[in-house]
Amino acid sequence: MNAAVKPEQLIADVDHAHLDALEEEAIFILREVAASFERPALLFSGGKDSCVVLRLAEKAFKMKNAAHPSGYSGALPFPLVHIDTGHNFPEVITFRDQRVADMGERLIVGHLEDSMAKGTIRLSHPLESRNGHQTVTLLETIEEHKFDCLIGGARRDEEKARAKERIFSHRDSFGQWQPKEQRPELWTLFNTRIRPGEHFRCFPISNWTELDVWLYIARENIPLPQMYFAHQRQVIRRKGLLVPLTDVTPPEPGETVETAQVRFRTVGDMTCTCPVESPAANASEVVAETLTVTVSERGATRMDDRTSEASMEKRKKEGYF
């Protein structure tokens, strides 16, 4: 019989050569963005994928400095951008602001409520999910600041539509994605030419998996919001998911509120993001747990992706990230 092995012992024996290769590719892509575009920006929500991309950007453009609060000194060649739906988890917003303050970087926040005030977004009812509506605010933020490339942490393993997308994803003058008109990416040669009004979305960790992300977080000791790790939270069991109890996700008639030990695999709008039951209290334990999962993080935790098989692709064609 095999003796029990702690997750930390397993991770120490993992060959990290593939992480070095993924890191090198991502840093190369980030430097290509800085060299090819006039007004790029990095989308930073405080989620784990954007935290990984931010660390890669630090490695690409900054100097390691143990005395600096963030561990790196210098400045990024682009600002950070976040589209705030107004329904984000407060813990994530607090973490976002603290991380940006430690780095000393510039953060641009596009508020969905500003779009609502202008009348470009209209909700059918106050508790409607705002996740899909943030496309409008994103496109308005791009137009206001004249961004020609937005860097994000999307990965191909997350969802079918994202698996179709290139590392450099062209968007037309309406901000829309046309899956049949993507540009070839051969021998890491990228066609970044755009016409006025067009822009690109760039995904440096497109080739990473959820396991790669957690291995990298554990190896690099990347700070994350604590809700990514096991904690007690009030939840409602609904349609096979654990819906967190919040002001915008109250219990429906006949539902029972219970307290469970959970963690979040992904964070987003409170109205559509659910945790999973888990005892994983640190990155090493999450790695061990991720080795056994059979459902993608979005499939296991996102209510808005369960509406149809093509829900994500439809949103992406309209300009969603």
C-alpha atoms as a PDB file:
ATOM      1  CA  MET A   1       0.000   0.000   0.000  1.00  0.00           C
ATOM      2  CA  ASN A   2       1.273   3.451  -0.866  1.00  0.00           C
ATOM      3  CA  ALA A   3       1.827   5.820   2.043  1.00  0.00           C
ATOM      4  CA  ALA A   4      -0.014   9.150   2.082  1.00  0.00           C
ATOM      5  CA  VAL A   5       1.949  12.007   0.505  1.00  0.00           C
ATOM      6  CA  LYS A   6       1.491  15.671   1.351  1.00  0.00           C
ATOM      7  CA  PRO A   7       0.690  18.036  -1.591  1.00  0.00           C
ATOM      8  CA  GLU A   8       3.882  19.997  -0.909  1.00  0.00           C
ATOM      9  CA  GLN A   9       5.935  16.848  -1.443  1.00  0.00           C
ATOM     10  CA  LEU A  10       4.178  16.120  -4.723  1.00  0.00           C
ATOM     11  CA  ILE A  11       4.757  19.619  -6.086  1.00  0.00           C
ATOM     12  CA  ALA A  12       8.447  19.509  -5.207  1.00  0.00           C
ATOM     13  CA  ASP A  13       8.813  16.480  -7.488  1.00  0.00           C
ATOM     14  CA  VAL A  14       6.975  18.064 -10.438  1.00  0.00           C
ATOM     15  CA  ASP A  15       9.176  18.970 -13.407  1.00  0.00           C
ATOM     16  CA  HIS A  16       8.683  22.724 -13.828  1.00  0.00           C
ATOM     17  CA  ALA A  17      10.424  22.889 -17.208  1.00  0.00           C
ATOM     18  CA  HIS A  18       7.053  23.313 -18.926  1.00  0.00           C
ATOM     19  CA  LEU A  19       6.292  26.291 -16.647  1.00  0.00           C
ATOM     20  CA  ASP A  20       9.575  27.895 -17.652  1.00  0.00           C
ATOM     21  CA  ALA A  21       8.612  27.446 -21.315  1.00  0.00           C
ATOM     22  CA  LEU A  22       5.129  28.901 -20.767  1.00  0.00           C
ATOM     23  CA  GLU A  23       6.602  31.822 -18.828  1.00  0.00           C
ATOM     24  CA  GLU A  24       9.127  32.529 -21.577  1.00  0.00           C
ATOM     25  CA  GLU A  25       6.397  32.474 -24.239  1.00  0.00           C
ATOM     26  CA  ALA A  26       4.148  34.806 -22.225  1.00  0.00           C
ATOM     27  CA  ILE A  27       6.947  37.305 -21.573  1.00  0.00           C
ATOM     28  CA  PHE A  28       7.802  37.281 -25.274  1.00  0.00           C
ATOM     29  CA  ILE A  29       4.148  38.017 -26.120  1.00  0.00           C
ATOM     30  CA  LEU A  30       3.945  40.861 -23.593  1.00  0.00           C
ATOM     31  CA  ARG A  31       7.046  42.460 -25.073  1.00  0.00           C
ATOM     32  CA  GLU A  32       5.564  42.072 -28.560  1.00  0.00           C
ATOM     33  CA  VAL A  33       2.515  44.024 -27.370  1.00  0.00           C
ATOM     34  CA  ALA A  34       4.680  46.823 -25.970  1.00  0.00           C
ATOM     35  CA  ALA A  35       6.660  46.989 -29.225  1.00  0.00           C
ATOM     36  CA  SER A  36       3.691  46.767 -31.629  1.00  0.00           C
ATOM     37  CA  PHE A  37       1.012  49.027 -30.145  1.00  0.00           C
ATOM     38  CA  GLU A  38       0.855  52.690 -29.178  1.00  0.00           C
ATOM     39  CA  ARG A  39      -1.745  52.537 -26.372  1.00  0.00           C
ATOM     40  CA  PRO A  40      -1.953  49.039 -24.854  1.00  0.00           C
ATOM     41  CA  ALA A  41      -3.424  48.265 -21.431  1.00  0.00           C
ATOM     42  CA  LEU A  42      -3.565  45.259 -19.126  1.00  0.00           C
ATOM     43  CA  LEU A  43      -6.932  44.123 -17.805  1.00  0.00           C
ATOM     44  CA  PHE A  44      -6.599  43.521 -14.064  1.00  0.00           C
ATOM     45  CA  SER A  45      -9.614  42.361 -12.079  1.00  0.00           C
ATOM     46  CA  GLY A  46      -7.812  40.874  -9.077  1.00  0.00           C
ATOM     47  CA  GLY A  47      -8.658  37.358 -10.280  1.00  0.00           C
ATOM     48  CA  LYS A  48      -6.033  34.607 -10.334  1.00  0.00           C
ATOM     49  CA  ASP A  49      -5.422  34.697 -14.101  1.00  0.00           C
ATOM     50  CA  SER A  50      -4.972  38.462 -14.184  1.00  0.00           C
ATOM     51  CA  CYS A  51      -2.672  38.183 -11.149  1.00  0.00           C
ATOM     52  CA  VAL A  52      -0.517  35.701 -13.076  1.00  0.00           C
ATOM     53  CA  VAL A  53      -0.414  37.960 -16.150  1.00  0.00           C
ATOM     54  CA  LEU A  54       0.505  40.885 -13.899  1.00  0.00           C
ATOM     55  CA  ARG A  55       3.413  38.929 -12.418  1.00  0.00           C
ATOM     56  CA  LEU A  56       4.552  38.022 -15.949  1.00  0.00           C
ATOM     57  CA  ALA A  57       4.390  41.720 -16.889  1.00  0.00           C
ATOM     58  CA  GLU A  58       6.522  42.566 -13.859  1.00  0.00           C
ATOM     59  CA  LYS A  59       9.099  40.022 -15.001  1.00  0.00           C
ATOM     60  CA  ALA A  60       8.957  41.341 -18.564  1.00  0.00           C
ATOM     61  CA  PHE A  61       9.387  45.046 -17.761  1.00  0.00           C
ATOM     62  CA  LYS A  62      10.569  45.530 -14.176  1.00  0.00           C
ATOM     63  CA  MET A  63      13.613  44.827 -12.032  1.00  0.00           C
ATOM     64  CA  LYS A  64      13.392  42.370  -9.153  1.00  0.00           C
ATOM     65  CA  ASN A  65      13.705  44.287  -5.876  1.00  0.00           C
ATOM     66  CA  ALA A  66      13.133  42.553  -2.548  1.00  0.00           C
ATOM     67  CA  ALA A  67      12.909  45.917  -0.774  1.00  0.00           C
ATOM     68  CA  HIS A  68       9.910  47.063  -2.862  1.00  0.00           C
ATOM     69  CA  PRO A  69       6.402  46.258  -1.494  1.00  0.00           C
ATOM     70  CA  SER A  70       5.525  44.358  -4.692  1.00  0.00           C
ATOM     71  CA  GLY A  71       8.927  42.698  -5.052  1.00  0.00           C
ATOM     72  CA  TYR A  72       9.679  44.558  -8.296  1.00  0.00           C
ATOM     73  CA  SER A  73      10.726  48.148  -8.973  1.00  0.00           C
ATOM     74  CA  GLY A  74      10.105  50.226 -12.069  1.00  0.00           C
ATOM     75  CA  ALA A  75       6.958  50.943 -14.063  1.00  0.00           C
ATOM     76  CA  LEU A  76       4.928  48.983 -16.577  1.00  0.00           C
ATOM     77  CA  PRO A  77       4.718  50.481 -20.091  1.00  0.00           C
ATOM     78  CA  PHE A  78       0.915  50.431 -19.935  1.00  0.00           C
ATOM     79  CA  PRO A  79      -1.861  51.150 -17.409  1.00  0.00           C
ATOM     80  CA  LEU A  80      -4.071  48.592 -15.676  1.00  0.00           C
ATOM     81  CA  VAL A  81      -7.791  48.535 -16.533  1.00  0.00           C
ATOM     82  CA  HIS A  82     -10.753  47.018 -14.705  1.00  0.00           C
ATOM     83  CA  ILE A  83     -14.410  47.011 -15.720  1.00  0.00           C
ATOM     84  CA  ASP A  84     -16.364  47.213 -12.463  1.00  0.00           C
ATOM     85  CA  THR A  85     -19.928  45.905 -12.721  1.00  0.00           C
ATOM     86  CA  GLY A  86     -20.822  47.205  -9.263  1.00  0.00           C
ATOM     87  CA  HIS A  87     -21.574  43.598  -8.311  1.00  0.00           C
ATOM     88  CA  ASN A  88     -17.992  42.502  -7.757  1.00  0.00           C
ATOM     89  CA  PHE A  89     -17.065  40.727  -4.534  1.00  0.00           C
ATOM     90  CA  PRO A  90     -15.880  43.392  -2.040  1.00  0.00           C
ATOM     91  CA  GLU A  91     -12.898  41.204  -1.053  1.00  0.00           C
ATOM     92  CA  VAL A  92     -11.661  41.253  -4.646  1.00  0.00           C
ATOM     93  CA  ILE A  93     -11.989  45.026  -5.020  1.00  0.00           C
ATOM     94  CA  THR A  94     -10.090  45.552  -1.760  1.00  0.00           C
ATOM     95  CA  PHE A  95      -7.350  43.202  -2.943  1.00  0.00           C
ATOM     96  CA  ARG A  96      -7.217  44.899  -6.365  1.00  0.00           C
ATOM     97  CA  ASP A  97      -6.725  48.342  -4.879  1.00  0.00           C
ATOM     98  CA  GLN A  98      -4.071  47.150  -2.417  1.00  0.00           C
ATOM     99  CA  ARG A  99      -2.118  45.309  -5.125  1.00  0.00           C
ATOM    100  CA  VAL A 100      -2.152  48.352  -7.408  1.00  0.00           C
ATOM    101  CA  ALA A 101      -1.091  50.623  -4.522  1.00  0.00           C
ATOM    102  CA  ASP A 102       1.816  48.313  -3.653  1.00  0.00           C
ATOM    103  CA  MET A 103       2.969  48.347  -7.270  1.00  0.00           C
ATOM    104  CA  GLY A 104       2.530  52.081  -7.692  1.00  0.00           C
ATOM    105  CA  GLU A 105       0.819  51.575 -11.052  1.00  0.00           C
ATOM    106  CA  ARG A 106      -1.995  53.507 -12.705  1.00  0.00           C
ATOM    107  CA  LEU A 107      -5.452  51.873 -12.576  1.00  0.00           C
ATOM    108  CA  ILE A 108      -8.289  52.924 -14.886  1.00  0.00           C
ATOM    109  CA  VAL A 109     -11.721  51.727 -13.763  1.00  0.00           C
ATOM    110  CA  GLY A 110     -14.673  51.655 -16.123  1.00  0.00           C
ATOM    111  CA  HIS A 111     -17.880  51.656 -14.068  1.00  0.00           C
ATOM    112  CA  LEU A 112     -20.938  49.916 -15.464  1.00  0.00           C
ATOM    113  CA  GLU A 113     -23.093  52.252 -13.398  1.00  0.00           C
ATOM    114  CA  ASP A 114     -21.719  55.186 -15.424  1.00  0.00           C
ATOM    115  CA  SER A 115     -22.994  53.460 -18.564  1.00  0.00           C
ATOM    116  CA  MET A 116     -26.341  52.961 -16.872  1.00  0.00           C
ATOM    117  CA  ALA A 117     -26.456  56.676 -16.018  1.00  0.00           C
ATOM    118  CA  LYS A 118     -25.791  57.545 -19.677  1.00  0.00           C
ATOM    119  CA  GLY A 119     -28.520  55.182 -20.823  1.00  0.00           C
ATOM    120  CA  THR A 120     -26.240  52.919 -22.867  1.00  0.00           C
ATOM    121  CA  ILE A 121     -27.085  50.046 -20.482  1.00  0.00           C
ATOM    122  CA  ARG A 122     -30.600  49.337 -19.267  1.00  0.00           C
ATOM    123  CA  LEU A 123     -31.365  46.519 -16.844  1.00  0.00           C
ATOM    124  CA  SER A 124     -34.649  44.659 -16.935  1.00  0.00           C
ATOM    125  CA  HIS A 125     -34.651  44.524 -13.112  1.00  0.00           C
ATOM    126  CA  PRO A 126     -32.236  45.690 -10.362  1.00  0.00           C
ATOM    127  CA  LEU A 127     -30.887  42.202  -9.544  1.00  0.00           C
ATOM    128  CA  GLU A 128     -30.262  41.187 -13.156  1.00  0.00           C
ATOM    129  CA  SER A 129     -26.779  39.823 -13.800  1.00  0.00           C
ATOM    130  CA  ARG A 130     -24.535  42.606 -15.080  1.00  0.00           C
ATOM    131  CA  ASN A 131     -21.852  40.268 -16.385  1.00  0.00           C
ATOM    132  CA  GLY A 132     -22.982  40.298 -20.010  1.00  0.00           C
ATOM    133  CA  HIS A 133     -23.676  44.044 -19.916  1.00  0.00           C
ATOM    134  CA  GLN A 134     -20.064  44.910 -19.095  1.00  0.00           C
ATOM    135  CA  THR A 135     -19.236  44.578 -22.807  1.00  0.00           C
ATOM    136  CA  VAL A 136     -20.780  48.015 -23.334  1.00  0.00           C
ATOM    137  CA  THR A 137     -18.675  49.606 -20.578  1.00  0.00           C
ATOM    138  CA  LEU A 138     -15.561  47.846 -21.852  1.00  0.00           C
ATOM    139  CA  LEU A 139     -16.035  49.199 -25.381  1.00  0.00           C
ATOM    140  CA  GLU A 140     -16.783  52.684 -24.024  1.00  0.00           C
ATOM    141  CA  THR A 141     -13.583  52.571 -21.948  1.00  0.00           C
ATOM    142  CA  ILE A 142     -11.577  51.476 -24.985  1.00  0.00           C
ATOM    143  CA  GLU A 143     -13.040  54.334 -27.019  1.00  0.00           C
ATOM    144  CA  GLU A 144     -12.491  56.928 -24.281  1.00  0.00           C
ATOM    145  CA  HIS A 145      -8.813  56.066 -23.798  1.00  0.00           C
ATOM    146  CA  LYS A 146      -8.108  55.069 -27.427  1.00  0.00           C
ATOM    147  CA  PHE A 147      -6.631  51.709 -26.419  1.00  0.00           C
ATOM    148  CA  ASP A 148      -5.377  49.695 -29.395  1.00  0.00           C
ATOM    149  CA  CYS A 149      -4.625  46.474 -27.490  1.00  0.00           C
ATOM    150  CA  LEU A 150      -5.995  45.010 -24.280  1.00  0.00           C
ATOM    151  CA  ILE A 151      -4.021  42.260 -22.534  1.00  0.00           C
ATOM    152  CA  GLY A 152      -6.031  39.689 -20.621  1.00  0.00           C
ATOM    153  CA  GLY A 153      -5.783  36.380 -18.802  1.00  0.00           C
ATOM    154  CA  ALA A 154      -8.187  34.272 -20.874  1.00  0.00           C
ATOM    155  CA  ARG A 155      -7.097  30.680 -21.512  1.00  0.00           C
ATOM    156  CA  ARG A 156      -8.118  28.181 -24.188  1.00  0.00           C
ATOM    157  CA  ASP A 157      -9.005  25.477 -21.663  1.00  0.00           C
ATOM    158  CA  GLU A 158     -11.675  27.614 -20.003  1.00  0.00           C
ATOM    159  CA  GLU A 159     -14.441  27.327 -22.570  1.00  0.00           C
ATOM    160  CA  LYS A 160     -15.157  26.199 -26.151  1.00  0.00           C
ATOM    161  CA  ALA A 161     -15.317  29.712 -27.633  1.00  0.00           C
ATOM    162  CA  ARG A 162     -12.038  30.710 -26.021  1.00  0.00           C
ATOM    163  CA  ALA A 163     -10.423  27.597 -27.466  1.00  0.00           C
ATOM    164  CA  LYS A 164     -11.093  29.044 -30.940  1.00  0.00           C
ATOM    165  CA  GLU A 165      -9.331  32.308 -30.281  1.00  0.00           C
ATOM    166  CA  ARG A 166      -5.823  33.303 -31.322  1.00  0.00           C
ATOM    167  CA  ILE A 167      -3.218  34.762 -28.939  1.00  0.00           C
ATOM    168  CA  PHE A 168      -3.583  38.088 -30.793  1.00  0.00           C
ATOM    169  CA  SER A 169      -7.325  38.406 -31.345  1.00  0.00           C
ATOM    170  CA  HIS A 170      -8.386  41.071 -33.835  1.00  0.00           C
ATOM    171  CA  ARG A 171     -11.501  43.141 -33.124  1.00  0.00           C
ATOM    172  CA  ASP A 172     -13.222  45.246 -35.784  1.00  0.00           C
ATOM    173  CA  SER A 173     -14.258  48.896 -35.481  1.00  0.00           C
ATOM    174  CA  PHE A 174     -17.398  47.800 -33.591  1.00  0.00           C
ATOM    175  CA  GLY A 175     -15.282  45.873 -31.062  1.00  0.00           C
ATOM    176  CA  GLN A 176     -16.612  42.586 -32.397  1.00  0.00           C
ATOM    177  CA  TRP A 177     -14.792  39.262 -32.787  1.00  0.00           C
ATOM    178  CA  GLN A 178     -15.200  37.343 -36.025  1.00  0.00           C
ATOM    179  CA  PRO A 179     -14.034  33.732 -35.446  1.00  0.00           C
ATOM    180  CA  LYS A 180     -13.798  32.993 -39.193  1.00  0.00           C
ATOM    181  CA  GLU A 181     -11.608  36.031 -39.886  1.00  0.00           C
ATOM    182  CA  GLN A 182      -8.772  35.408 -37.449  1.00  0.00           C
ATOM    183  CA  ARG A 183      -5.214  35.866 -38.586  1.00  0.00           C
ATOM    184  CA  PRO A 184      -2.778  32.930 -38.781  1.00  0.00           C
ATOM    185  CA  GLU A 185      -0.057  32.711 -36.133  1.00  0.00           C
ATOM    186  CA  LEU A 186       2.810  30.705 -37.612  1.00  0.00           C
ATOM    187  CA  TRP A 187       6.294  30.465 -36.072  1.00  0.00           C
ATOM    188  CA  THR A 188       5.305  33.048 -33.404  1.00  0.00           C
ATOM    189  CA  LEU A 189       4.941  35.701 -36.104  1.00  0.00           C
ATOM    190  CA  PHE A 190       1.982  37.956 -35.295  1.00  0.00           C
ATOM    191  CA  ASN A 191       0.133  40.249 -37.694  1.00  0.00           C
ATOM    192  CA  THR A 192      -0.741  43.222 -35.484  1.00  0.00           C
ATOM    193  CA  ARG A 193      -1.747  45.710 -38.171  1.00  0.00           C
ATOM    194  CA  ILE A 194      -5.015  47.523 -37.527  1.00  0.00           C
ATOM    195  CA  ARG A 195      -7.136  50.172 -39.198  1.00  0.00           C
ATOM    196  CA  PRO A 196      -8.391  53.261 -37.340  1.00  0.00           C
ATOM    197  CA  GLY A 197     -11.014  52.293 -34.784  1.00  0.00           C
ATOM    198  CA  GLU A 198      -9.952  48.642 -34.578  1.00  0.00           C
ATOM    199  CA  HIS A 199      -8.062  47.026 -31.721  1.00  0.00           C
ATOM    200  CA  PHE A 200      -6.624  43.749 -30.501  1.00  0.00           C
ATOM    201  CA  ARG A 201      -7.161  41.585 -27.459  1.00  0.00           C
ATOM    202  CA  CYS A 202      -4.000  39.709 -26.450  1.00  0.00           C
ATOM    203  CA  PHE A 203      -3.873  36.552 -24.322  1.00  0.00           C
ATOM    204  CA  PRO A 204      -0.319  35.763 -23.116  1.00  0.00           C
ATOM    205  CA  ILE A 205      -1.432  32.705 -21.092  1.00  0.00           C
ATOM    206  CA  SER A 206      -3.739  31.336 -23.773  1.00  0.00           C
ATOM    207  CA  ASN A 207      -1.786  28.054 -23.852  1.00  0.00           C
ATOM    208  CA  TRP A 208      -1.859  27.595 -20.071  1.00  0.00           C
ATOM    209  CA  THR A 209      -4.262  25.309 -18.218  1.00  0.00           C
ATOM    210  CA  GLU A 210      -5.891  25.871 -14.836  1.00  0.00           C
ATOM    211  CA  LEU A 211      -3.303  23.494 -13.366  1.00  0.00           C
ATOM    212  CA  ASP A 212      -0.454  25.468 -14.960  1.00  0.00           C
ATOM    213  CA  VAL A 213      -1.826  28.660 -13.425  1.00  0.00           C
ATOM    214  CA  TRP A 214      -1.960  27.163  -9.932  1.00  0.00           C
ATOM    215  CA  LEU A 215       1.480  25.571 -10.275  1.00  0.00           C
ATOM    216  CA  TYR A 216       2.841  28.983 -11.242  1.00  0.00           C
ATOM    217  CA  ILE A 217       1.021  30.725  -8.375  1.00  0.00           C
ATOM    218  CA  ALA A 218       2.503  28.204  -5.943  1.00  0.00           C
ATOM    219  CA  ARG A 219       5.999  28.473  -7.415  1.00  0.00           C
ATOM    220  CA  GLU A 220       6.039  32.281  -7.588  1.00  0.00           C
ATOM    221  CA  ASN A 221       4.122  32.821  -4.343  1.00  0.00           C
ATOM    222  CA  ILE A 222       1.725  35.197  -6.135  1.00  0.00           C
ATOM    223  CA  PRO A 223      -0.712  36.980  -3.772  1.00  0.00           C
ATOM    224  CA  LEU A 224      -4.421  36.322  -4.373  1.00  0.00           C
ATOM    225  CA  PRO A 225      -7.735  37.259  -2.739  1.00  0.00           C
ATOM    226  CA  GLN A 226      -8.335  34.896   0.191  1.00  0.00           C
ATOM    227  CA  MET A 227     -11.648  33.722  -1.290  1.00  0.00           C
ATOM    228  CA  TYR A 228      -9.614  31.501  -3.641  1.00  0.00           C
ATOM    229  CA  PHE A 229      -8.849  29.327  -0.604  1.00  0.00           C
ATOM    230  CA  ALA A 230     -11.042  27.372   1.801  1.00  0.00           C
ATOM    231  CA  HIS A 231     -13.284  29.475   4.039  1.00  0.00           C
ATOM    232  CA  GLN A 232     -16.740  29.338   5.600  1.00  0.00           C
ATOM    233  CA  ARG A 233     -19.454  31.023   3.550  1.00  0.00           C
ATOM    234  CA  GLN A 234     -23.245  31.070   3.501  1.00  0.00           C
ATOM    235  CA  VAL A 235     -24.517  29.470   0.301  1.00  0.00           C
ATOM    236  CA  ILE A 236     -27.713  28.311  -1.372  1.00  0.00           C
ATOM    237  CA  ARG A 237     -27.843  25.049  -3.331  1.00  0.00           C
ATOM    238  CA  ARG A 238     -29.441  25.893  -6.683  1.00  0.00           C
ATOM    239  CA  LYS A 239     -29.428  23.886  -9.924  1.00  0.00           C
ATOM    240  CA  GLY A 240     -26.381  21.899  -8.937  1.00  0.00           C
ATOM    241  CA  LEU A 241     -24.374  24.996  -7.947  1.00  0.00           C
ATOM    242  CA  LEU A 242     -23.527  26.685  -4.651  1.00  0.00           C
ATOM    243  CA  VAL A 243     -24.833  30.238  -4.959  1.00  0.00           C
ATOM    244  CA  PRO A 244     -23.167  32.614  -2.478  1.00  0.00           C
ATOM    245  CA  LEU A 245     -25.587  34.508  -0.256  1.00  0.00           C
ATOM    246  CA  THR A 246     -25.217  38.224  -1.051  1.00  0.00           C
ATOM    247  CA  ASP A 247     -27.439  41.280  -1.374  1.00  0.00           C
ATOM    248  CA  VAL A 248     -27.779  40.605  -5.116  1.00  0.00           C
ATOM    249  CA  THR A 249     -28.210  36.823  -4.788  1.00  0.00           C
ATOM    250  CA  PRO A 250     -30.838  36.387  -2.047  1.00  0.00           C
ATOM    251  CA  PRO A 251     -32.558  33.039  -1.426  1.00  0.00           C
ATOM    252  CA  GLU A 252     -35.618  32.263  -3.503  1.00  0.00           C
ATOM    253  CA  PRO A 253     -38.863  31.033  -1.907  1.00  0.00           C
ATOM    254  CA  GLY A 254     -38.394  27.539  -0.502  1.00  0.00           C
ATOM    255  CA  GLU A 255     -34.589  27.656  -0.569  1.00  0.00           C
ATOM    256  CA  THR A 256     -32.437  27.032   2.492  1.00  0.00           C
ATOM    257  CA  VAL A 257     -29.320  28.993   3.419  1.00  0.00           C
ATOM    258  CA  GLU A 258     -26.482  26.887   4.800  1.00  0.00           C
ATOM    259  CA  THR A 259     -22.868  27.414   5.793  1.00  0.00           C
ATOM    260  CA  ALA A 260     -20.275  25.400   3.877  1.00  0.00           C
ATOM    261  CA  GLN A 261     -16.506  25.237   3.541  1.00  0.00           C
ATOM    262  CA  VAL A 262     -15.858  26.528   0.035  1.00  0.00           C
ATOM    263  CA  ARG A 263     -13.346  28.207  -2.233  1.00  0.00           C
ATOM    264  CA  PHE A 264     -13.716  30.015  -5.556  1.00  0.00           C
ATOM    265  CA  ARG A 265     -12.085  28.620  -8.693  1.00  0.00           C
ATOM    266  CA  THR A 266     -12.794  31.868 -10.508  1.00  0.00           C
ATOM    267  CA  VAL A 267     -14.141  35.257  -9.392  1.00  0.00           C
ATOM    268  CA  GLY A 268     -16.416  37.625 -11.255  1.00  0.00           C
ATOM    269  CA  ASP A 269     -19.857  39.186 -10.966  1.00  0.00           C
ATOM    270  CA  MET A 270     -21.555  38.002  -7.746  1.00  0.00           C
ATOM    271  CA  THR A 271     -24.760  37.257  -9.631  1.00  0.00           C
ATOM    272  CA  CYS A 272     -23.203  34.480 -11.720  1.00  0.00           C
ATOM    273  CA  THR A 273     -20.079  33.233  -9.898  1.00  0.00           C
ATOM    274  CA  CYS A 274     -20.310  30.271  -7.535  1.00  0.00           C
ATOM    275  CA  PRO A 275     -17.805  28.586  -5.214  1.00  0.00           C
ATOM    276  CA  VAL A 276     -17.109  24.872  -4.887  1.00  0.00           C
ATOM    277  CA  GLU A 277     -16.865  22.830  -1.708  1.00  0.00           C
ATOM    278  CA  SER A 278     -13.202  22.404  -0.873  1.00  0.00           C
ATOM    279  CA  PRO A 279     -10.773  22.074   2.056  1.00  0.00           C
ATOM    280  CA  ALA A 280      -7.823  23.468   0.019  1.00  0.00           C
ATOM    281  CA  ALA A 281      -6.277  26.184   2.188  1.00  0.00           C
ATOM    282  CA  ASN A 282      -3.229  27.149   0.104  1.00  0.00           C
ATOM    283  CA  ALA A 283      -1.918  27.052  -3.471  1.00  0.00           C
ATOM    284  CA  SER A 284      -0.209  23.690  -2.995  1.00  0.00           C
ATOM    285  CA  GLU A 285      -3.441  22.075  -1.839  1.00  0.00           C
ATOM    286  CA  VAL A 286      -5.340  23.677  -4.719  1.00  0.00           C
ATOM    287  CA  VAL A 287      -2.803  22.151  -7.135  1.00  0.00           C
ATOM    288  CA  ALA A 288      -3.422  18.692  -5.669  1.00  0.00           C
ATOM    289  CA  GLU A 289      -7.181  19.232  -5.916  1.00  0.00           C
ATOM    290  CA  THR A 290      -6.986  20.554  -9.490  1.00  0.00           C
ATOM    291  CA  LEU A 291      -5.237  17.345 -10.560  1.00  0.00           C
ATOM    292  CA  THR A 292      -8.488  15.459  -9.873  1.00  0.00           C
ATOM    293  CA  VAL A 293     -11.157  17.765 -11.350  1.00  0.00           C
ATOM    294  CA  THR A 294     -13.088  16.707 -14.450  1.00  0.00           C
ATOM    295  CA  VAL A 295     -15.160  19.860 -15.074  1.00  0.00           C
ATOM    296  CA  SER A 296     -13.691  23.176 -16.279  1.00  0.00           C
ATOM    297  CA  GLU A 297     -13.748  26.065 -13.832  1.00  0.00           C
ATOM    298  CA  ARG A 298     -16.362  27.980 -15.823  1.00  0.00           C
ATOM    299  CA  GLY A 299     -18.514  24.879 -16.254  1.00  0.00           C
ATOM    300  CA  ALA A 300     -18.399  24.218 -12.517  1.00  0.00           C
ATOM    301  CA  THR A 301     -18.888  27.760 -11.255  1.00  0.00           C
ATOM    302  CA  ARG A 302     -20.532  30.096 -13.789  1.00  0.00           C
ATOM    303  CA  MET A 303     -24.319  30.313 -14.022  1.00  0.00           C
ATOM    304  CA  ASP A 304     -24.242  32.554 -17.107  1.00  0.00           C
ATOM    305  CA  ASP A 305     -22.373  29.922 -19.174  1.00  0.00           C
ATOM    306  CA  ARG A 306     -25.100  27.362 -18.604  1.00  0.00           C
ATOM    307  CA  THR A 307     -27.743  29.193 -20.601  1.00  0.00           C
ATOM    308  CA  SER A 308     -26.643  27.546 -23.864  1.00  0.00           C
ATOM    309  CA  GLU A 309     -23.674  25.839 -25.498  1.00  0.00           C
ATOM    310  CA  ALA A 310     -22.938  29.018 -27.466  1.00  0.00           C
ATOM    311  CA  SER A 311     -23.499  31.633 -24.741  1.00  0.00           C
ATOM    312  CA  MET A 312     -19.826  32.621 -24.454  1.00  0.00           C
ATOM    313  CA  GLU A 313     -19.245  32.715 -28.213  1.00  0.00           C
ATOM    314  CA  LYS A 314     -22.291  34.959 -28.674  1.00  0.00           C
ATOM    315  CA  ARG A 315     -20.996  37.400 -26.055  1.00  0.00           C
ATOM    316  CA  LYS A 316     -17.498  37.390 -27.526  1.00  0.00           C
ATOM    317  CA  LYS A 317     -18.838  38.254 -30.982  1.00  0.00           C
ATOM    318  CA  GLU A 318     -20.522  41.267 -29.385  1.00  0.00           C
ATOM    319  CA  GLY A 319     -17.253  42.453 -27.807  1.00  0.00           C
ATOM    320  CA  TYR A 320     -17.028  40.555 -24.516  1.00  0.00           C
ATOM    321  CA  PHE A 321     -13.513  39.741 -23.376  1.00  0.00           C
END
